[in-house]
Full PDB file with SEQRES, HELIX, SHEET, SSBOND, CRYST1, ORIGX, SCALE, CONECT and MASTER records, all heavy atoms in Angstrom:
SEQRES   1 A   33  HIS SER ILE GLY SER GLY THR ILE SER PHE GLY LEU VAL          
SEQRES   2 A   33  SER ILE PRO ILE ARG LEU TYR THR ALA ALA ALA SER GLY          
SEQRES   3 A   33  GLY VAL SER PHE HIS LEU LEU                                  
SHEET    1 AA1 2 GLY A   4  PHE A  10  0                                        
SHEET    2 AA1 2 VAL A  13  LEU A  19 -1                                        
CRYST1    1.000    1.000    1.000  90.00  90.00  90.00 P 1           1          
ORIGX1      1.000000  0.000000  0.000000        0.00000                         
ORIGX2      0.000000  1.000000  0.000000        0.00000                         
ORIGX3      0.000000  0.000000  1.000000        0.00000                         
SCALE1      1.000000  0.000000  0.000000        0.00000                         
SCALE2      0.000000  1.000000  0.000000        0.00000                         
SCALE3      0.000000  0.000000  1.000000        0.00000                         
ATOM      1  N   HIS A   1      32.428 -23.948 -19.649  1.00  0.00           N  
ATOM      2  CA  HIS A   1      32.942 -22.548 -19.510  1.00  0.00           C  
ATOM      3  C   HIS A   1      34.313 -22.626 -18.862  1.00  0.00           C  
ATOM      4  O   HIS A   1      34.528 -23.390 -17.828  1.00  0.00           O  
ATOM      5  CB  HIS A   1      32.057 -21.701 -18.781  1.00  0.00           C  
ATOM      6  CG  HIS A   1      30.713 -21.554 -19.400  1.00  0.00           C  
ATOM      7  ND1 HIS A   1      30.487 -20.699 -20.470  1.00  0.00           N  
ATOM      8  CD2 HIS A   1      29.527 -22.105 -19.089  1.00  0.00           C  
ATOM      9  CE1 HIS A   1      29.244 -20.771 -20.808  1.00  0.00           C  
ATOM     10  NE2 HIS A   1      28.601 -21.605 -20.035  1.00  0.00           N  
ATOM     11  N   SER A   2      35.346 -21.893 -19.307  1.00  0.00           N  
ATOM     12  CA  SER A   2      36.593 -21.981 -18.706  1.00  0.00           C  
ATOM     13  C   SER A   2      36.568 -21.040 -17.362  1.00  0.00           C  
ATOM     14  O   SER A   2      35.896 -20.119 -17.256  1.00  0.00           O  
ATOM     15  CB  SER A   2      37.680 -21.324 -19.629  1.00  0.00           C  
ATOM     16  OG  SER A   2      37.392 -19.998 -19.883  1.00  0.00           O  
ATOM     17  N   ILE A   3      37.366 -21.609 -16.358  1.00  0.00           N  
ATOM     18  CA  ILE A   3      37.367 -20.942 -15.115  1.00  0.00           C  
ATOM     19  C   ILE A   3      38.640 -20.064 -14.948  1.00  0.00           C  
ATOM     20  O   ILE A   3      38.847 -19.422 -13.996  1.00  0.00           O  
ATOM     21  CB  ILE A   3      37.269 -21.920 -13.935  1.00  0.00           C  
ATOM     22  CG1 ILE A   3      38.401 -22.911 -13.968  1.00  0.00           C  
ATOM     23  CG2 ILE A   3      35.950 -22.609 -13.922  1.00  0.00           C  
ATOM     24  CD1 ILE A   3      38.382 -23.837 -12.741  1.00  0.00           C  
ATOM     25  N   GLY A   4      39.524 -20.154 -15.943  1.00  0.00           N  
ATOM     26  CA  GLY A   4      40.771 -19.437 -15.879  1.00  0.00           C  
ATOM     27  C   GLY A   4      41.503 -19.552 -17.191  1.00  0.00           C  
ATOM     28  O   GLY A   4      41.244 -20.469 -17.985  1.00  0.00           O  
ATOM     29  N   SER A   5      42.444 -18.670 -17.436  1.00  0.00           N  
ATOM     30  CA  SER A   5      43.229 -18.702 -18.698  1.00  0.00           C  
ATOM     31  C   SER A   5      44.585 -18.209 -18.343  1.00  0.00           C  
ATOM     32  O   SER A   5      44.814 -17.499 -17.354  1.00  0.00           O  
ATOM     33  CB  SER A   5      42.606 -17.872 -19.808  1.00  0.00           C  
ATOM     34  OG  SER A   5      42.482 -16.499 -19.477  1.00  0.00           O  
ATOM     35  N   GLY A   6      45.601 -18.525 -19.232  1.00  0.00           N  
ATOM     36  CA  GLY A   6      46.949 -18.103 -19.078  1.00  0.00           C  
ATOM     37  C   GLY A   6      47.767 -18.474 -20.294  1.00  0.00           C  
ATOM     38  O   GLY A   6      47.257 -18.915 -21.304  1.00  0.00           O  
ATOM     39  N   THR A   7      49.066 -18.342 -20.120  1.00  0.00           N  
ATOM     40  CA  THR A   7      49.992 -18.625 -21.204  1.00  0.00           C  
ATOM     41  C   THR A   7      51.239 -19.313 -20.669  1.00  0.00           C  
ATOM     42  O   THR A   7      51.751 -18.945 -19.640  1.00  0.00           O  
ATOM     43  CB  THR A   7      50.445 -17.269 -21.826  1.00  0.00           C  
ATOM     44  OG1 THR A   7      49.272 -16.587 -22.312  1.00  0.00           O  
ATOM     45  CG2 THR A   7      51.337 -17.564 -23.095  1.00  0.00           C  
ATOM     46  N   ILE A   8      51.621 -20.334 -21.399  1.00  0.00           N  
ATOM     47  CA  ILE A   8      52.915 -21.067 -21.013  1.00  0.00           C  
ATOM     48  C   ILE A   8      53.931 -20.668 -22.114  1.00  0.00           C  
ATOM     49  O   ILE A   8      53.656 -20.728 -23.300  1.00  0.00           O  
ATOM     50  CB  ILE A   8      52.723 -22.677 -21.008  1.00  0.00           C  
ATOM     51  CG1 ILE A   8      51.716 -22.997 -19.919  1.00  0.00           C  
ATOM     52  CG2 ILE A   8      54.004 -23.304 -20.885  1.00  0.00           C  
ATOM     53  CD1 ILE A   8      51.383 -24.493 -19.934  1.00  0.00           C  
ATOM     54  N   SER A   9      55.144 -20.216 -21.651  1.00  0.00           N  
ATOM     55  CA  SER A   9      56.143 -19.761 -22.542  1.00  0.00           C  
ATOM     56  C   SER A   9      57.386 -20.671 -22.467  1.00  0.00           C  
ATOM     57  O   SER A   9      57.846 -20.949 -21.437  1.00  0.00           O  
ATOM     58  CB  SER A   9      56.505 -18.330 -22.279  1.00  0.00           C  
ATOM     59  OG  SER A   9      55.431 -17.486 -22.396  1.00  0.00           O  
ATOM     60  N   PHE A  10      57.943 -21.036 -23.629  1.00  0.00           N  
ATOM     61  CA  PHE A  10      59.070 -21.808 -23.781  1.00  0.00           C  
ATOM     62  C   PHE A  10      60.072 -21.051 -24.762  1.00  0.00           C  
ATOM     63  O   PHE A  10      59.973 -21.212 -25.944  1.00  0.00           O  
ATOM     64  CB  PHE A  10      58.874 -23.215 -24.261  1.00  0.00           C  
ATOM     65  CG  PHE A  10      58.078 -24.078 -23.444  1.00  0.00           C  
ATOM     66  CD1 PHE A  10      56.737 -24.331 -23.699  1.00  0.00           C  
ATOM     67  CD2 PHE A  10      58.574 -24.635 -22.257  1.00  0.00           C  
ATOM     68  CE1 PHE A  10      55.931 -25.069 -22.948  1.00  0.00           C  
ATOM     69  CE2 PHE A  10      57.807 -25.432 -21.448  1.00  0.00           C  
ATOM     70  CZ  PHE A  10      56.408 -25.698 -21.810  1.00  0.00           C  
ATOM     71  N   GLY A  11      60.836 -20.172 -24.263  1.00  0.00           N  
ATOM     72  CA  GLY A  11      61.740 -19.410 -25.151  1.00  0.00           C  
ATOM     73  C   GLY A  11      60.911 -18.473 -25.993  1.00  0.00           C  
ATOM     74  O   GLY A  11      60.280 -17.542 -25.526  1.00  0.00           O  
ATOM     75  N   LEU A  12      60.928 -18.652 -27.328  1.00  0.00           N  
ATOM     76  CA  LEU A  12      60.228 -17.832 -28.203  1.00  0.00           C  
ATOM     77  C   LEU A  12      58.815 -18.345 -28.586  1.00  0.00           C  
ATOM     78  O   LEU A  12      58.088 -17.762 -29.290  1.00  0.00           O  
ATOM     79  CB  LEU A  12      60.945 -17.749 -29.545  1.00  0.00           C  
ATOM     80  CG  LEU A  12      62.302 -17.036 -29.417  1.00  0.00           C  
ATOM     81  CD1 LEU A  12      63.133 -17.164 -30.851  1.00  0.00           C  
ATOM     82  CD2 LEU A  12      62.186 -15.626 -29.019  1.00  0.00           C  
ATOM     83  N   VAL A  13      58.419 -19.509 -27.946  1.00  0.00           N  
ATOM     84  CA  VAL A  13      57.110 -20.083 -28.215  1.00  0.00           C  
ATOM     85  C   VAL A  13      56.234 -19.890 -26.974  1.00  0.00           C  
ATOM     86  O   VAL A  13      56.588 -20.174 -25.796  1.00  0.00           O  
ATOM     87  CB  VAL A  13      57.239 -21.674 -28.503  1.00  0.00           C  
ATOM     88  CG1 VAL A  13      55.915 -22.227 -28.701  1.00  0.00           C  
ATOM     89  CG2 VAL A  13      58.184 -21.875 -29.658  1.00  0.00           C  
ATOM     90  N   SER A  14      55.032 -19.377 -27.170  1.00  0.00           N  
ATOM     91  CA  SER A  14      54.033 -19.220 -26.100  1.00  0.00           C  
ATOM     92  C   SER A  14      52.748 -19.991 -26.546  1.00  0.00           C  
ATOM     93  O   SER A  14      52.326 -19.884 -27.620  1.00  0.00           O  
ATOM     94  CB  SER A  14      53.771 -17.670 -25.824  1.00  0.00           C  
ATOM     95  OG  SER A  14      53.226 -17.093 -26.978  1.00  0.00           O  
ATOM     96  N   ILE A  15      52.224 -20.634 -25.512  1.00  0.00           N  
ATOM     97  CA  ILE A  15      51.020 -21.460 -25.751  1.00  0.00           C  
ATOM     98  C   ILE A  15      49.970 -20.946 -24.838  1.00  0.00           C  
ATOM     99  O   ILE A  15      50.070 -20.960 -23.648  1.00  0.00           O  
ATOM    100  CB  ILE A  15      51.311 -22.976 -25.485  1.00  0.00           C  
ATOM    101  CG1 ILE A  15      52.508 -23.450 -26.336  1.00  0.00           C  
ATOM    102  CG2 ILE A  15      50.113 -23.799 -25.722  1.00  0.00           C  
ATOM    103  CD1 ILE A  15      52.995 -24.829 -25.910  1.00  0.00           C  
ATOM    104  N   PRO A  16      48.790 -20.576 -25.499  1.00  0.00           N  
ATOM    105  CA  PRO A  16      47.684 -20.120 -24.592  1.00  0.00           C  
ATOM    106  C   PRO A  16      46.963 -21.370 -23.997  1.00  0.00           C  
ATOM    107  O   PRO A  16      46.788 -22.375 -24.677  1.00  0.00           O  
ATOM    108  CB  PRO A  16      46.774 -19.379 -25.601  1.00  0.00           C  
ATOM    109  CG  PRO A  16      47.089 -19.897 -26.905  1.00  0.00           C  
ATOM    110  CD  PRO A  16      48.549 -20.294 -26.905  1.00  0.00           C  
ATOM    111  N   ILE A  17      46.555 -21.206 -22.755  1.00  0.00           N  
ATOM    112  CA  ILE A  17      45.863 -22.364 -22.073  1.00  0.00           C  
ATOM    113  C   ILE A  17      44.576 -21.782 -21.429  1.00  0.00           C  
ATOM    114  O   ILE A  17      44.478 -20.665 -21.123  1.00  0.00           O  
ATOM    115  CB  ILE A  17      46.725 -23.023 -21.087  1.00  0.00           C  
ATOM    116  CG1 ILE A  17      47.173 -22.064 -19.999  1.00  0.00           C  
ATOM    117  CG2 ILE A  17      47.909 -23.745 -21.681  1.00  0.00           C  
ATOM    118  CD1 ILE A  17      47.764 -22.737 -18.738  1.00  0.00           C  
ATOM    119  N   ARG A  18      43.549 -22.736 -21.265  1.00  0.00           N  
ATOM    120  CA  ARG A  18      42.402 -22.380 -20.473  1.00  0.00           C  
ATOM    121  C   ARG A  18      42.106 -23.527 -19.468  1.00  0.00           C  
ATOM    122  O   ARG A  18      42.408 -24.677 -19.738  1.00  0.00           O  
ATOM    123  CB  ARG A  18      41.253 -22.249 -21.409  1.00  0.00           C  
ATOM    124  CG  ARG A  18      41.258 -21.006 -22.288  1.00  0.00           C  
ATOM    125  CD  ARG A  18      40.026 -20.855 -23.064  1.00  0.00           C  
ATOM    126  NE  ARG A  18      40.140 -19.747 -23.926  1.00  0.00           N  
ATOM    127  CZ  ARG A  18      39.354 -19.505 -24.954  1.00  0.00           C  
ATOM    128  NH1 ARG A  18      38.428 -20.426 -25.305  1.00  0.00           N  
ATOM    129  NH2 ARG A  18      39.521 -18.427 -25.705  1.00  0.00           N  
ATOM    130  N   LEU A  19      41.571 -23.222 -18.307  1.00  0.00           N  
ATOM    131  CA  LEU A  19      41.304 -24.207 -17.254  1.00  0.00           C  
ATOM    132  C   LEU A  19      39.766 -24.477 -17.284  1.00  0.00           C  
ATOM    133  O   LEU A  19      38.961 -23.578 -17.401  1.00  0.00           O  
ATOM    134  CB  LEU A  19      41.653 -23.699 -15.889  1.00  0.00           C  
ATOM    135  CG  LEU A  19      43.001 -24.066 -15.322  1.00  0.00           C  
ATOM    136  CD1 LEU A  19      44.146 -23.685 -16.153  1.00  0.00           C  
ATOM    137  CD2 LEU A  19      43.167 -23.640 -13.912  1.00  0.00           C  
ATOM    138  N   TYR A  20      39.449 -25.732 -17.173  1.00  0.00           N  
ATOM    139  CA  TYR A  20      38.050 -26.201 -17.149  1.00  0.00           C  
ATOM    140  C   TYR A  20      37.858 -27.074 -15.944  1.00  0.00           C  
ATOM    141  O   TYR A  20      38.839 -27.675 -15.481  1.00  0.00           O  
ATOM    142  CB  TYR A  20      37.660 -26.942 -18.420  1.00  0.00           C  
ATOM    143  CG  TYR A  20      37.714 -26.106 -19.706  1.00  0.00           C  
ATOM    144  CD1 TYR A  20      38.822 -26.106 -20.467  1.00  0.00           C  
ATOM    145  CD2 TYR A  20      36.571 -25.379 -20.066  1.00  0.00           C  
ATOM    146  CE1 TYR A  20      38.873 -25.386 -21.666  1.00  0.00           C  
ATOM    147  CE2 TYR A  20      36.560 -24.674 -21.209  1.00  0.00           C  
ATOM    148  CZ  TYR A  20      37.721 -24.646 -21.975  1.00  0.00           C  
ATOM    149  OH  TYR A  20      37.741 -23.913 -23.143  1.00  0.00           O  
ATOM    150  N   THR A  21      36.636 -27.122 -15.436  1.00  0.00           N  
ATOM    151  CA  THR A  21      36.346 -27.942 -14.278  1.00  0.00           C  
ATOM    152  C   THR A  21      36.313 -29.440 -14.828  1.00  0.00           C  
ATOM    153  O   THR A  21      36.063 -29.729 -15.954  1.00  0.00           O  
ATOM    154  CB  THR A  21      35.019 -27.679 -13.654  1.00  0.00           C  
ATOM    155  OG1 THR A  21      34.014 -27.729 -14.698  1.00  0.00           O  
ATOM    156  CG2 THR A  21      34.942 -26.253 -13.024  1.00  0.00           C  
ATOM    157  N   ALA A  22      36.723 -30.371 -13.904  1.00  0.00           N  
ATOM    158  CA  ALA A  22      36.934 -31.797 -14.325  1.00  0.00           C  
ATOM    159  C   ALA A  22      35.619 -32.526 -14.176  1.00  0.00           C  
ATOM    160  O   ALA A  22      35.432 -33.511 -14.863  1.00  0.00           O  
ATOM    161  CB  ALA A  22      37.968 -32.383 -13.415  1.00  0.00           C  
ATOM    162  N   ALA A  23      34.733 -32.047 -13.386  1.00  0.00           N  
ATOM    163  CA  ALA A  23      33.467 -32.769 -13.135  1.00  0.00           C  
ATOM    164  C   ALA A  23      32.305 -32.023 -13.718  1.00  0.00           C  
ATOM    165  O   ALA A  23      32.298 -30.700 -13.702  1.00  0.00           O  
ATOM    166  CB  ALA A  23      33.262 -32.974 -11.672  1.00  0.00           C  
ATOM    167  N   ALA A  24      31.375 -32.677 -14.255  1.00  0.00           N  
ATOM    168  CA  ALA A  24      30.190 -32.016 -14.853  1.00  0.00           C  
ATOM    169  C   ALA A  24      28.893 -32.307 -13.928  1.00  0.00           C  
ATOM    170  O   ALA A  24      28.835 -33.449 -13.457  1.00  0.00           O  
ATOM    171  CB  ALA A  24      29.887 -32.540 -16.282  1.00  0.00           C  
ATOM    172  N   SER A  25      28.133 -31.346 -13.730  1.00  0.00           N  
ATOM    173  CA  SER A  25      26.932 -31.603 -12.912  1.00  0.00           C  
ATOM    174  C   SER A  25      25.872 -32.304 -13.796  1.00  0.00           C  
ATOM    175  O   SER A  25      25.654 -31.958 -14.930  1.00  0.00           O  
ATOM    176  CB  SER A  25      26.370 -30.274 -12.413  1.00  0.00           C  
ATOM    177  OG  SER A  25      25.997 -29.446 -13.462  1.00  0.00           O  
ATOM    178  N   GLY A  26      25.237 -33.289 -13.159  1.00  0.00           N  
ATOM    179  CA  GLY A  26      24.212 -33.990 -13.962  1.00  0.00           C  
ATOM    180  C   GLY A  26      23.794 -35.231 -13.005  1.00  0.00           C  
ATOM    181  O   GLY A  26      24.428 -35.543 -12.071  1.00  0.00           O  
ATOM    182  N   GLY A  27      22.672 -35.733 -13.382  1.00  0.00           N  
ATOM    183  CA  GLY A  27      22.130 -36.789 -12.587  1.00  0.00           C  
ATOM    184  C   GLY A  27      22.120 -38.077 -13.310  1.00  0.00           C  
ATOM    185  O   GLY A  27      22.270 -38.189 -14.521  1.00  0.00           O  
ATOM    186  N   VAL A  28      22.142 -39.126 -12.528  1.00  0.00           N  
ATOM    187  CA  VAL A  28      22.005 -40.491 -13.128  1.00  0.00           C  
ATOM    188  C   VAL A  28      20.621 -41.048 -12.831  1.00  0.00           C  
ATOM    189  O   VAL A  28      20.152 -40.927 -11.712  1.00  0.00           O  
ATOM    190  CB  VAL A  28      23.126 -41.411 -12.433  1.00  0.00           C  
ATOM    191  CG1 VAL A  28      23.000 -42.856 -12.961  1.00  0.00           C  
ATOM    192  CG2 VAL A  28      24.531 -40.850 -12.707  1.00  0.00           C  
ATOM    193  N   SER A  29      20.035 -41.647 -13.840  1.00  0.00           N  
ATOM    194  CA  SER A  29      18.676 -42.155 -13.690  1.00  0.00           C  
ATOM    195  C   SER A  29      18.761 -43.623 -14.020  1.00  0.00           C  
ATOM    196  O   SER A  29      19.403 -43.986 -14.975  1.00  0.00           O  
ATOM    197  CB  SER A  29      17.649 -41.377 -14.448  1.00  0.00           C  
ATOM    198  OG  SER A  29      17.929 -41.540 -15.856  1.00  0.00           O  
ATOM    199  N   PHE A  30      18.025 -44.482 -13.302  1.00  0.00           N  
ATOM    200  CA  PHE A  30      17.976 -45.836 -13.531  1.00  0.00           C  
ATOM    201  C   PHE A  30      16.532 -46.232 -13.832  1.00  0.00           C  
ATOM    202  O   PHE A  30      15.520 -45.538 -13.299  1.00  0.00           O  
ATOM    203  CB  PHE A  30      18.476 -46.633 -12.351  1.00  0.00           C  
ATOM    204  CG  PHE A  30      19.946 -46.438 -12.022  1.00  0.00           C  
ATOM    205  CD1 PHE A  30      20.293 -45.516 -11.082  1.00  0.00           C  
ATOM    206  CD2 PHE A  30      20.888 -47.066 -12.745  1.00  0.00           C  
ATOM    207  CE1 PHE A  30      21.640 -45.282 -10.803  1.00  0.00           C  
ATOM    208  CE2 PHE A  30      22.188 -46.874 -12.460  1.00  0.00           C  
ATOM    209  CZ  PHE A  30      22.675 -45.994 -11.525  1.00  0.00           C  
ATOM    210  N   HIS A  31      16.323 -47.307 -14.533  1.00  0.00           N  
ATOM    211  CA  HIS A  31      14.944 -47.817 -14.790  1.00  0.00           C  
ATOM    212  C   HIS A  31      14.546 -48.639 -13.583  1.00  0.00           C  
ATOM    213  O   HIS A  31      15.322 -49.272 -12.856  1.00  0.00           O  
ATOM    214  CB  HIS A  31      14.903 -48.799 -16.014  1.00  0.00           C  
ATOM    215  CG  HIS A  31      15.331 -48.074 -17.289  1.00  0.00           C  
ATOM    216  ND1 HIS A  31      14.489 -47.151 -17.861  1.00  0.00           N  
ATOM    217  CD2 HIS A  31      16.365 -48.189 -18.061  1.00  0.00           C  
ATOM    218  CE1 HIS A  31      15.058 -46.677 -18.995  1.00  0.00           C  
ATOM    219  NE2 HIS A  31      16.167 -47.339 -19.167  1.00  0.00           N  
ATOM    220  N   LEU A  32      13.238 -48.637 -13.261  1.00  0.00           N  
ATOM    221  CA  LEU A  32      12.650 -49.481 -12.205  1.00  0.00           C  
ATOM    222  C   LEU A  32      12.363 -50.817 -12.800  1.00  0.00           C  
ATOM    223  O   LEU A  32      11.861 -51.009 -13.887  1.00  0.00           O  
ATOM    224  CB  LEU A  32      11.342 -48.832 -11.750  1.00  0.00           C  
ATOM    225  CG  LEU A  32      11.412 -47.521 -11.067  1.00  0.00           C  
ATOM    226  CD1 LEU A  32      10.063 -46.938 -10.726  1.00  0.00           C  
ATOM    227  CD2 LEU A  32      12.254 -47.600  -9.710  1.00  0.00           C  
ATOM    228  N   LEU A  33      12.867 -51.876 -12.085  1.00  0.00           N  
ATOM    229  CA  LEU A  33      12.733 -53.278 -12.509  1.00  0.00           C  
ATOM    230  C   LEU A  33      11.882 -54.041 -11.548  1.00  0.00           C  
ATOM    231  O   LEU A  33      11.962 -53.850 -10.315  1.00  0.00           O  
ATOM    232  CB  LEU A  33      14.123 -53.911 -12.642  1.00  0.00           C  
ATOM    233  CG  LEU A  33      15.097 -53.200 -13.635  1.00  0.00           C  
ATOM    234  CD1 LEU A  33      16.428 -53.940 -13.561  1.00  0.00           C  
ATOM    235  CD2 LEU A  33      14.528 -53.114 -15.069  1.00  0.00           C  
TER     236      LEU A  33                                                      
MASTER        0    0    0    0    2    0    0    6  235    1    0    3          
END                                                                             
């Protein structure tokens, strides 16, 4: 899910952007040896 949005403009060109978090929540599981 995006946490923010905006627009970058260069003269007559505008580019829509969205911000996302860089880290994902999740766990790491290992096998027992």
